[in-house]
Amino acid sequence: MSTKNVATRTLARDLASVAAARAGASAHLANWALEELDFTTTLVLGELVTNAIN
């Protein structure tokens, strides 16, 4: 997989990071012309980040 198709982000251990993670994912999906995956991706990502913080 090309590195242009990978996104990483370091998040603080804070619930505000959930919104930042969702926004970042949405932006990357839009840049990759994958807007149709936005709802599912941000939903799953939000749950994963929330669980990691707790």
N, C-alpha and C. Protein backbone atom coordinates (compact mmCIF):
# COMPACT_ATOMS: atom_id res chain seq x y z
N MET A 1 0.84 -1.18 0.00
CA MET A 1 0.00 0.00 0.00
C MET A 1 0.89 1.24 0.00
N SER A 2 0.54 2.17 -0.82
CA SER A 2 1.28 3.42 -0.91
C SER A 2 1.04 4.26 0.34
N THR A 3 2.05 5.00 0.77
CA THR A 3 1.90 5.85 1.95
C THR A 3 0.93 7.01 1.69
N LYS A 4 0.64 7.32 0.45
CA LYS A 4 -0.33 8.38 0.17
C LYS A 4 -1.75 7.94 0.51
N ASN A 5 -1.94 6.64 0.74
CA ASN A 5 -3.24 6.10 1.09
C ASN A 5 -3.36 5.75 2.57
N VAL A 6 -2.45 6.28 3.38
CA VAL A 6 -2.43 5.99 4.81
C VAL A 6 -2.48 7.31 5.57
N ALA A 7 -3.30 7.36 6.61
CA ALA A 7 -3.36 8.54 7.46
C ALA A 7 -3.10 8.12 8.89
N THR A 8 -2.29 8.89 9.58
CA THR A 8 -2.03 8.63 11.00
C THR A 8 -2.21 9.92 11.78
N ARG A 9 -2.51 9.78 13.02
CA ARG A 9 -2.69 10.94 13.88
C ARG A 9 -2.44 10.51 15.32
N THR A 10 -1.73 11.32 16.06
CA THR A 10 -1.54 11.10 17.49
C THR A 10 -2.59 11.94 18.21
N LEU A 11 -3.30 11.30 19.12
CA LEU A 11 -4.39 11.97 19.82
C LEU A 11 -4.09 12.04 21.31
N ALA A 12 -4.56 13.11 21.91
CA ALA A 12 -4.45 13.25 23.36
C ALA A 12 -5.45 12.31 24.02
N ARG A 13 -5.18 11.95 25.24
CA ARG A 13 -6.10 11.08 25.98
C ARG A 13 -7.20 11.93 26.60
N ASP A 14 -8.08 12.41 25.72
CA ASP A 14 -9.12 13.36 26.09
C ASP A 14 -10.32 13.12 25.17
N LEU A 15 -11.52 13.26 25.71
CA LEU A 15 -12.70 13.01 24.89
C LEU A 15 -12.82 13.98 23.72
N ALA A 16 -12.18 15.14 23.80
CA ALA A 16 -12.19 16.07 22.67
C ALA A 16 -11.45 15.47 21.47
N SER A 17 -10.61 14.50 21.71
CA SER A 17 -9.88 13.84 20.64
C SER A 17 -10.80 13.04 19.73
N VAL A 18 -11.94 12.62 20.24
CA VAL A 18 -12.89 11.86 19.43
C VAL A 18 -13.35 12.71 18.25
N ALA A 19 -13.73 13.94 18.52
CA ALA A 19 -14.17 14.85 17.45
C ALA A 19 -13.03 15.14 16.48
N ALA A 20 -11.83 15.31 17.01
CA ALA A 20 -10.67 15.58 16.15
C ALA A 20 -10.39 14.38 15.23
N ALA A 21 -10.51 13.19 15.77
CA ALA A 21 -10.29 11.98 14.96
C ALA A 21 -11.33 11.87 13.86
N ARG A 22 -12.58 12.12 14.20
CA ARG A 22 -13.65 12.05 13.19
C ARG A 22 -13.45 13.10 12.10
N ALA A 23 -13.10 14.32 12.51
CA ALA A 23 -12.90 15.39 11.53
C ALA A 23 -11.71 15.07 10.62
N GLY A 24 -10.66 14.55 11.19
CA GLY A 24 -9.49 14.18 10.39
C GLY A 24 -9.81 13.09 9.39
N ALA A 25 -10.56 12.10 9.85
CA ALA A 25 -10.94 11.00 8.96
C ALA A 25 -11.82 11.52 7.82
N SER A 26 -12.77 12.37 8.15
CA SER A 26 -13.64 12.94 7.12
C SER A 26 -12.85 13.71 6.08
N ALA A 27 -11.88 14.49 6.54
CA ALA A 27 -11.05 15.27 5.62
C ALA A 27 -10.24 14.37 4.70
N HIS A 28 -9.65 13.32 5.27
CA HIS A 28 -8.86 12.40 4.44
C HIS A 28 -9.75 11.67 3.44
N LEU A 29 -10.90 11.22 3.87
CA LEU A 29 -11.80 10.54 2.95
C LEU A 29 -12.22 11.46 1.81
N ALA A 30 -12.47 12.71 2.11
CA ALA A 30 -12.83 13.67 1.05
C ALA A 30 -11.66 13.87 0.09
N ASN A 31 -10.45 13.98 0.62
CA ASN A 31 -9.27 14.13 -0.24
C ASN A 31 -9.05 12.92 -1.15
N TRP A 32 -9.46 11.77 -0.67
CA TRP A 32 -9.30 10.54 -1.44
C TRP A 32 -10.54 10.22 -2.27
N ALA A 33 -11.52 11.13 -2.33
CA ALA A 33 -12.77 10.95 -3.07
C ALA A 33 -13.54 9.72 -2.59
N LEU A 34 -13.56 9.54 -1.27
CA LEU A 34 -14.25 8.40 -0.67
C LEU A 34 -15.33 8.87 0.31
N GLU A 35 -16.01 9.95 -0.05
CA GLU A 35 -17.01 10.53 0.84
C GLU A 35 -18.11 9.56 1.21
N GLU A 36 -18.39 8.59 0.35
CA GLU A 36 -19.46 7.64 0.64
C GLU A 36 -19.14 6.76 1.85
N LEU A 37 -17.89 6.72 2.26
CA LEU A 37 -17.48 5.92 3.43
C LEU A 37 -17.47 6.73 4.72
N ASP A 38 -17.80 8.01 4.63
CA ASP A 38 -17.66 8.91 5.77
C ASP A 38 -18.48 8.48 6.98
N PHE A 39 -19.75 8.23 6.82
CA PHE A 39 -20.61 7.92 7.96
C PHE A 39 -20.10 6.70 8.72
N THR A 40 -19.88 5.61 8.01
CA THR A 40 -19.46 4.36 8.65
C THR A 40 -18.08 4.51 9.28
N THR A 41 -17.17 5.12 8.55
CA THR A 41 -15.80 5.27 9.05
C THR A 41 -15.76 6.12 10.32
N THR A 42 -16.44 7.26 10.30
CA THR A 42 -16.39 8.13 11.48
C THR A 42 -17.14 7.52 12.66
N LEU A 43 -18.18 6.75 12.40
CA LEU A 43 -18.89 6.07 13.48
C LEU A 43 -17.98 5.05 14.17
N VAL A 44 -17.35 4.19 13.38
CA VAL A 44 -16.47 3.17 13.94
C VAL A 44 -15.25 3.81 14.60
N LEU A 45 -14.67 4.78 13.95
CA LEU A 45 -13.50 5.45 14.52
C LEU A 45 -13.84 6.13 15.85
N GLY A 46 -14.99 6.79 15.91
CA GLY A 46 -15.40 7.42 17.15
C GLY A 46 -15.53 6.43 18.29
N GLU A 47 -16.10 5.27 18.01
CA GLU A 47 -16.22 4.23 19.03
C GLU A 47 -14.85 3.70 19.47
N LEU A 48 -13.97 3.47 18.51
CA LEU A 48 -12.64 2.97 18.85
C LEU A 48 -11.85 3.96 19.69
N VAL A 49 -11.89 5.23 19.30
CA VAL A 49 -11.15 6.25 20.05
C VAL A 49 -11.74 6.39 21.45
N THR A 50 -13.06 6.41 21.55
CA THR A 50 -13.71 6.52 22.86
C THR A 50 -13.31 5.35 23.76
N ASN A 51 -13.32 4.16 23.23
CA ASN A 51 -12.94 2.99 24.01
C ASN A 51 -11.46 3.03 24.41
N ALA A 52 -10.62 3.52 23.54
CA ALA A 52 -9.19 3.61 23.85
C ALA A 52 -8.93 4.62 24.96
N ILE A 53 -9.69 5.69 24.96
CA ILE A 53 -9.51 6.73 25.99
C ILE A 53 -9.99 6.23 27.34
N ASN A 54 -11.10 5.52 27.33
CA ASN A 54 -11.66 4.99 28.59
C ASN A 54 -10.87 3.79 29.01
